């Protein structure tokens, strides 16, 4: 992000230090280096959570705010996660080695190098339908937003074979994946 990123929005405080839409991230970082350190209290962040979103045809639909919450009992279930759709380090198991029925991840704005979408072909190799929701439709790290608000931006071949396509809602994808 620092090397290729471009500022799309800045709050008033950042604007006060000269940060503007269209600047590179490195330019903005240099400007913000002049800002004083935050001296207030930071509110406690909630831990990522698991949410039972639905049950369709005996298949549970689990919402995981982070894919690190995926565990062996999730095998055969549908997972909707707020995590980005990239393989960590560009390689490895797309679902921590767990044979889930289908998965939805967040496209994180679709990185120019494809790093935020690299789970899709990895899921295809394992015969698992997978899709990404658009960053414009759902909050990253929020599984309930991805399920309730998410609009599919990309699907893998296995998902396309089920009739999934960009533009459908995450709920519609889940219904197709559940059979």
C-alpha atoms as a PDB file:
ATOM      1  CA  UNK A   1       0.000   0.000   0.000  1.00  0.00           C
ATOM      2  CA  UNK A   2       2.792   2.398   0.858  1.00  0.00           C
ATOM      3  CA  UNK A   3       4.486   1.819  -2.508  1.00  0.00           C
ATOM      4  CA  UNK A   4       1.430   1.953  -4.801  1.00  0.00           C
ATOM      5  CA  UNK A   5      -1.439   3.284  -2.701  1.00  0.00           C
ATOM      6  CA  UNK A   6      -3.329   6.458  -3.559  1.00  0.00           C
ATOM      7  CA  UNK A   7      -5.428   8.377  -1.042  1.00  0.00           C
ATOM      8  CA  UNK A   8      -9.148   8.130  -1.811  1.00  0.00           C
ATOM      9  CA  UNK A   9     -10.441  10.006   1.259  1.00  0.00           C
ATOM     10  CA  UNK A  10      -9.003  11.889   4.224  1.00  0.00           C
ATOM     11  CA  UNK A  11     -10.678  13.083   7.399  1.00  0.00           C
ATOM     12  CA  UNK A  12     -10.532  16.742   8.490  1.00  0.00           C
ATOM     13  CA  UNK A  13      -7.622  16.178  10.817  1.00  0.00           C
ATOM     14  CA  UNK A  14      -5.485  14.631   8.047  1.00  0.00           C
ATOM     15  CA  UNK A  15      -6.598  17.362   5.634  1.00  0.00           C
ATOM     16  CA  UNK A  16      -5.290  19.877   8.168  1.00  0.00           C
ATOM     17  CA  UNK A  17      -1.829  18.411   7.626  1.00  0.00           C
ATOM     18  CA  UNK A  18      -2.168  18.657   3.839  1.00  0.00           C
ATOM     19  CA  UNK A  19      -3.393  15.156   2.994  1.00  0.00           C
ATOM     20  CA  UNK A  20      -5.592  15.248  -0.113  1.00  0.00           C
ATOM     21  CA  UNK A  21      -7.417  12.838  -2.381  1.00  0.00           C
ATOM     22  CA  UNK A  22      -5.161  11.624  -5.192  1.00  0.00           C
ATOM     23  CA  UNK A  23      -1.891  11.840  -3.237  1.00  0.00           C
ATOM     24  CA  UNK A  24       0.295   8.793  -2.957  1.00  0.00           C
ATOM     25  CA  UNK A  25       0.335   7.073   0.406  1.00  0.00           C
ATOM     26  CA  UNK A  26       4.022   7.842   0.809  1.00  0.00           C
ATOM     27  CA  UNK A  27       3.331  11.576   0.318  1.00  0.00           C
ATOM     28  CA  UNK A  28       0.543  11.422   2.901  1.00  0.00           C
ATOM     29  CA  UNK A  29       2.765   9.507   5.330  1.00  0.00           C
ATOM     30  CA  UNK A  30       5.415  12.215   5.121  1.00  0.00           C
ATOM     31  CA  UNK A  31       2.802  14.898   5.812  1.00  0.00           C
ATOM     32  CA  UNK A  32       1.313  12.972   8.731  1.00  0.00           C
ATOM     33  CA  UNK A  33       4.759  12.508  10.271  1.00  0.00           C
ATOM     34  CA  UNK A  34       4.339  16.137  11.415  1.00  0.00           C
ATOM     35  CA  UNK A  35       1.159  15.331  13.369  1.00  0.00           C
ATOM     36  CA  UNK A  36       1.439  15.058  17.159  1.00  0.00           C
ATOM     37  CA  UNK A  37       1.091  11.619  18.750  1.00  0.00           C
ATOM     38  CA  UNK A  38      -2.417  10.710  19.895  1.00  0.00           C
ATOM     39  CA  UNK A  39      -2.773  11.358  23.621  1.00  0.00           C
ATOM     40  CA  UNK A  40      -6.353  10.152  24.216  1.00  0.00           C
ATOM     41  CA  UNK A  41      -7.772   6.825  25.279  1.00  0.00           C
ATOM     42  CA  UNK A  42      -8.280   4.229  22.575  1.00  0.00           C
ATOM     43  CA  UNK A  43     -11.557   2.338  22.958  1.00  0.00           C
ATOM     44  CA  UNK A  44     -11.179  -1.393  23.423  1.00  0.00           C
ATOM     45  CA  UNK A  45     -11.607  -3.287  20.184  1.00  0.00           C
ATOM     46  CA  UNK A  46     -13.951  -6.216  20.197  1.00  0.00           C
ATOM     47  CA  UNK A  47     -12.447  -9.601  19.505  1.00  0.00           C
ATOM     48  CA  UNK A  48     -13.352 -11.286  16.211  1.00  0.00           C
ATOM     49  CA  UNK A  49     -16.408 -13.450  16.722  1.00  0.00           C
ATOM     50  CA  UNK A  50     -18.321 -16.412  15.296  1.00  0.00           C
ATOM     51  CA  UNK A  51     -21.979 -15.984  14.373  1.00  0.00           C
ATOM     52  CA  UNK A  52     -24.478 -18.645  13.330  1.00  0.00           C
ATOM     53  CA  UNK A  53     -26.041 -16.825  10.378  1.00  0.00           C
ATOM     54  CA  UNK A  54     -28.421 -19.470   9.057  1.00  0.00           C
ATOM     55  CA  UNK A  55     -29.067 -23.161   8.640  1.00  0.00           C
ATOM     56  CA  UNK A  56     -30.160 -24.385   5.213  1.00  0.00           C
ATOM     57  CA  UNK A  57     -30.894 -28.020   4.377  1.00  0.00           C
ATOM     58  CA  UNK A  58     -29.030 -29.109   7.509  1.00  0.00           C
ATOM     59  CA  UNK A  59     -25.952 -27.064   6.579  1.00  0.00           C
ATOM     60  CA  UNK A  60     -24.844 -24.397   9.017  1.00  0.00           C
ATOM     61  CA  UNK A  61     -23.792 -21.010   7.695  1.00  0.00           C
ATOM     62  CA  UNK A  62     -21.149 -19.625  10.012  1.00  0.00           C
ATOM     63  CA  UNK A  63     -20.050 -16.012  10.003  1.00  0.00           C
ATOM     64  CA  UNK A  64     -16.445 -15.585  11.096  1.00  0.00           C
ATOM     65  CA  UNK A  65     -15.166 -12.048  11.519  1.00  0.00           C
ATOM     66  CA  UNK A  66     -11.695 -13.506  10.878  1.00  0.00           C
ATOM     67  CA  UNK A  67     -10.801 -16.686   9.031  1.00  0.00           C
ATOM     68  CA  UNK A  68      -8.435 -17.620  11.867  1.00  0.00           C
ATOM     69  CA  UNK A  69     -11.567 -18.669  13.778  1.00  0.00           C
ATOM     70  CA  UNK A  70     -12.188 -21.533  11.318  1.00  0.00           C
ATOM     71  CA  UNK A  71     -11.814 -24.926  12.979  1.00  0.00           C
ATOM     72  CA  UNK A  72     -12.225 -28.631  12.202  1.00  0.00           C
ATOM     73  CA  UNK A  73     -15.987 -28.750  13.057  1.00  0.00           C
ATOM     74  CA  UNK A  74     -16.545 -26.267  10.186  1.00  0.00           C
ATOM     75  CA  UNK A  75     -15.857 -29.025   7.644  1.00  0.00           C
ATOM     76  CA  UNK A  76     -18.869 -29.432   5.360  1.00  0.00           C
ATOM     77  CA  UNK A  77     -20.358 -26.100   6.452  1.00  0.00           C
ATOM     78  CA  UNK A  78     -20.601 -22.773   4.619  1.00  0.00           C
ATOM     79  CA  UNK A  79     -18.303 -20.061   5.926  1.00  0.00           C
ATOM     80  CA  UNK A  80     -18.838 -16.327   5.433  1.00  0.00           C
ATOM     81  CA  UNK A  81     -15.795 -14.468   6.662  1.00  0.00           C
ATOM     82  CA  UNK A  82     -14.845 -10.842   6.912  1.00  0.00           C
ATOM     83  CA  UNK A  83     -11.239 -11.717   6.050  1.00  0.00           C
ATOM     84  CA  UNK A  84      -9.704 -10.701   2.734  1.00  0.00           C
ATOM     85  CA  UNK A  85      -9.664 -13.238  -0.089  1.00  0.00           C
ATOM     86  CA  UNK A  86      -5.886 -13.464  -0.330  1.00  0.00           C
ATOM     87  CA  UNK A  87      -3.728 -16.373   0.689  1.00  0.00           C
ATOM     88  CA  UNK A  88      -1.414 -15.301   3.484  1.00  0.00           C
ATOM     89  CA  UNK A  89       2.027 -15.067   1.947  1.00  0.00           C
ATOM     90  CA  UNK A  90       0.524 -15.961  -1.437  1.00  0.00           C
ATOM     91  CA  UNK A  91       0.563 -19.701  -0.758  1.00  0.00           C
ATOM     92  CA  UNK A  92      -1.023 -22.263   1.499  1.00  0.00           C
ATOM     93  CA  UNK A  93      -4.416 -23.624   2.323  1.00  0.00           C
ATOM     94  CA  UNK A  94      -7.333 -21.341   1.511  1.00  0.00           C
ATOM     95  CA  UNK A  95      -9.412 -22.528   4.479  1.00  0.00           C
ATOM     96  CA  UNK A  96      -6.721 -23.605   6.926  1.00  0.00           C
ATOM     97  CA  UNK A  97      -6.904 -27.097   5.416  1.00  0.00           C
ATOM     98  CA  UNK A  98     -10.559 -27.552   6.403  1.00  0.00           C
ATOM     99  CA  UNK A  99     -12.863 -29.014   3.752  1.00  0.00           C
ATOM    100  CA  UNK A 100     -15.653 -26.473   3.988  1.00  0.00           C
ATOM    101  CA  UNK A 101     -18.641 -26.745   1.662  1.00  0.00           C
ATOM    102  CA  UNK A 102     -18.311 -23.165   0.370  1.00  0.00           C
ATOM    103  CA  UNK A 103     -16.752 -19.898   1.415  1.00  0.00           C
ATOM    104  CA  UNK A 104     -17.227 -16.173   1.068  1.00  0.00           C
ATOM    105  CA  UNK A 105     -14.395 -13.749   1.691  1.00  0.00           C
ATOM    106  CA  UNK A 106     -13.973  -9.974   1.290  1.00  0.00           C
ATOM    107  CA  UNK A 107     -12.304  -8.606  -1.866  1.00  0.00           C
ATOM    108  CA  UNK A 108     -10.559  -5.823   0.129  1.00  0.00           C
ATOM    109  CA  UNK A 109     -10.996  -3.505  -2.848  1.00  0.00           C
ATOM    110  CA  UNK A 110      -9.281  -5.957  -5.229  1.00  0.00           C
ATOM    111  CA  UNK A 111      -5.562  -5.263  -4.987  1.00  0.00           C
ATOM    112  CA  UNK A 112      -3.837  -4.437  -8.285  1.00  0.00           C
ATOM    113  CA  UNK A 113      -1.490  -7.419  -7.931  1.00  0.00           C
ATOM    114  CA  UNK A 114      -4.353  -9.872  -7.305  1.00  0.00           C
ATOM    115  CA  UNK A 115      -3.153 -10.642  -3.791  1.00  0.00           C
ATOM    116  CA  UNK A 116      -6.604 -10.046  -2.249  1.00  0.00           C
ATOM    117  CA  UNK A 117      -8.258 -12.587  -4.572  1.00  0.00           C
ATOM    118  CA  UNK A 118      -5.721 -15.443  -4.557  1.00  0.00           C
ATOM    119  CA  UNK A 119      -7.912 -17.793  -2.486  1.00  0.00           C
ATOM    120  CA  UNK A 120     -10.350 -18.250  -5.386  1.00  0.00           C
ATOM    121  CA  UNK A 121      -8.111 -20.442  -7.583  1.00  0.00           C
ATOM    122  CA  UNK A 122      -6.820 -22.262  -4.491  1.00  0.00           C
ATOM    123  CA  UNK A 123     -10.413 -23.154  -3.557  1.00  0.00           C
ATOM    124  CA  UNK A 124     -11.017 -24.309  -7.143  1.00  0.00           C
ATOM    125  CA  UNK A 125      -8.070 -26.699  -6.850  1.00  0.00           C
ATOM    126  CA  UNK A 126      -9.790 -28.246  -3.822  1.00  0.00           C
ATOM    127  CA  UNK A 127     -13.235 -28.414  -5.463  1.00  0.00           C
ATOM    128  CA  UNK A 128     -14.764 -25.806  -3.141  1.00  0.00           C
ATOM    129  CA  UNK A 129     -17.129 -23.067  -4.348  1.00  0.00           C
ATOM    130  CA  UNK A 130     -15.898 -19.654  -3.246  1.00  0.00           C
ATOM    131  CA  UNK A 131     -16.805 -16.025  -3.803  1.00  0.00           C
ATOM    132  CA  UNK A 132     -15.718 -12.563  -2.754  1.00  0.00           C
ATOM    133  CA  UNK A 133     -17.945  -9.696  -1.661  1.00  0.00           C
ATOM    134  CA  UNK A 134     -17.206  -6.183  -2.855  1.00  0.00           C
ATOM    135  CA  UNK A 135     -15.566  -3.723  -0.493  1.00  0.00           C
ATOM    136  CA  UNK A 136     -18.137  -1.200  -1.718  1.00  0.00           C
ATOM    137  CA  UNK A 137     -20.939  -3.358  -0.296  1.00  0.00           C
ATOM    138  CA  UNK A 138     -19.716  -4.754   3.031  1.00  0.00           C
ATOM    139  CA  UNK A 139     -17.365  -3.953   5.884  1.00  0.00           C
ATOM    140  CA  UNK A 140     -14.119  -5.903   6.024  1.00  0.00           C
ATOM    141  CA  UNK A 141     -13.664  -7.993   9.203  1.00  0.00           C
ATOM    142  CA  UNK A 142     -17.446  -8.054   9.743  1.00  0.00           C
ATOM    143  CA  UNK A 143     -18.981 -11.378   8.744  1.00  0.00           C
ATOM    144  CA  UNK A 144     -22.531 -10.192   9.432  1.00  0.00           C
ATOM    145  CA  UNK A 145     -22.058  -7.252   7.057  1.00  0.00           C
ATOM    146  CA  UNK A 146     -20.559  -9.542   4.398  1.00  0.00           C
ATOM    147  CA  UNK A 147     -23.586 -11.857   4.653  1.00  0.00           C
ATOM    148  CA  UNK A 148     -26.314  -9.249   5.101  1.00  0.00           C
ATOM    149  CA  UNK A 149     -25.017  -6.471   2.847  1.00  0.00           C
ATOM    150  CA  UNK A 150     -22.449  -8.161   0.621  1.00  0.00           C
ATOM    151  CA  UNK A 151     -22.677  -8.184  -3.157  1.00  0.00           C
ATOM    152  CA  UNK A 152     -20.524 -10.728  -4.950  1.00  0.00           C
ATOM    153  CA  UNK A 153     -17.654  -9.215  -6.958  1.00  0.00           C
ATOM    154  CA  UNK A 154     -15.854 -12.411  -8.045  1.00  0.00           C
ATOM    155  CA  UNK A 155     -16.463 -16.164  -8.037  1.00  0.00           C
ATOM    156  CA  UNK A 156     -14.282 -19.150  -8.750  1.00  0.00           C
ATOM    157  CA  UNK A 157     -15.049 -21.802 -11.370  1.00  0.00           C
ATOM    158  CA  UNK A 158     -16.701 -24.151  -8.886  1.00  0.00           C
ATOM    159  CA  UNK A 159     -19.077 -21.375  -7.764  1.00  0.00           C
ATOM    160  CA  UNK A 160     -19.823 -20.411 -11.379  1.00  0.00           C
ATOM    161  CA  UNK A 161     -20.804 -24.033 -12.036  1.00  0.00           C
ATOM    162  CA  UNK A 162     -23.460 -23.615  -9.318  1.00  0.00           C
ATOM    163  CA  UNK A 163     -24.804 -20.544 -11.136  1.00  0.00           C
ATOM    164  CA  UNK A 164     -23.095 -17.996  -8.893  1.00  0.00           C
ATOM    165  CA  UNK A 165     -22.045 -14.764 -10.550  1.00  0.00           C
ATOM    166  CA  UNK A 166     -20.878 -11.249  -9.713  1.00  0.00           C
ATOM    167  CA  UNK A 167     -23.778  -8.989  -8.798  1.00  0.00           C
ATOM    168  CA  UNK A 168     -25.726 -11.542  -6.767  1.00  0.00           C
ATOM    169  CA  UNK A 169     -26.003 -11.079  -3.016  1.00  0.00           C
ATOM    170  CA  UNK A 170     -23.996 -13.093  -0.545  1.00  0.00           C
ATOM    171  CA  UNK A 171     -27.258 -14.618   0.708  1.00  0.00           C
ATOM    172  CA  UNK A 172     -28.106 -15.777  -2.822  1.00  0.00           C
ATOM    173  CA  UNK A 173     -24.669 -17.356  -3.140  1.00  0.00           C
ATOM    174  CA  UNK A 174     -25.143 -19.159   0.194  1.00  0.00           C
ATOM    175  CA  UNK A 175     -28.540 -20.507  -0.935  1.00  0.00           C
ATOM    176  CA  UNK A 176     -26.998 -21.893  -4.142  1.00  0.00           C
ATOM    177  CA  UNK A 177     -24.072 -23.407  -2.258  1.00  0.00           C
ATOM    178  CA  UNK A 178     -26.394 -25.081   0.238  1.00  0.00           C
ATOM    179  CA  UNK A 179     -28.242 -26.792  -2.597  1.00  0.00           C
END
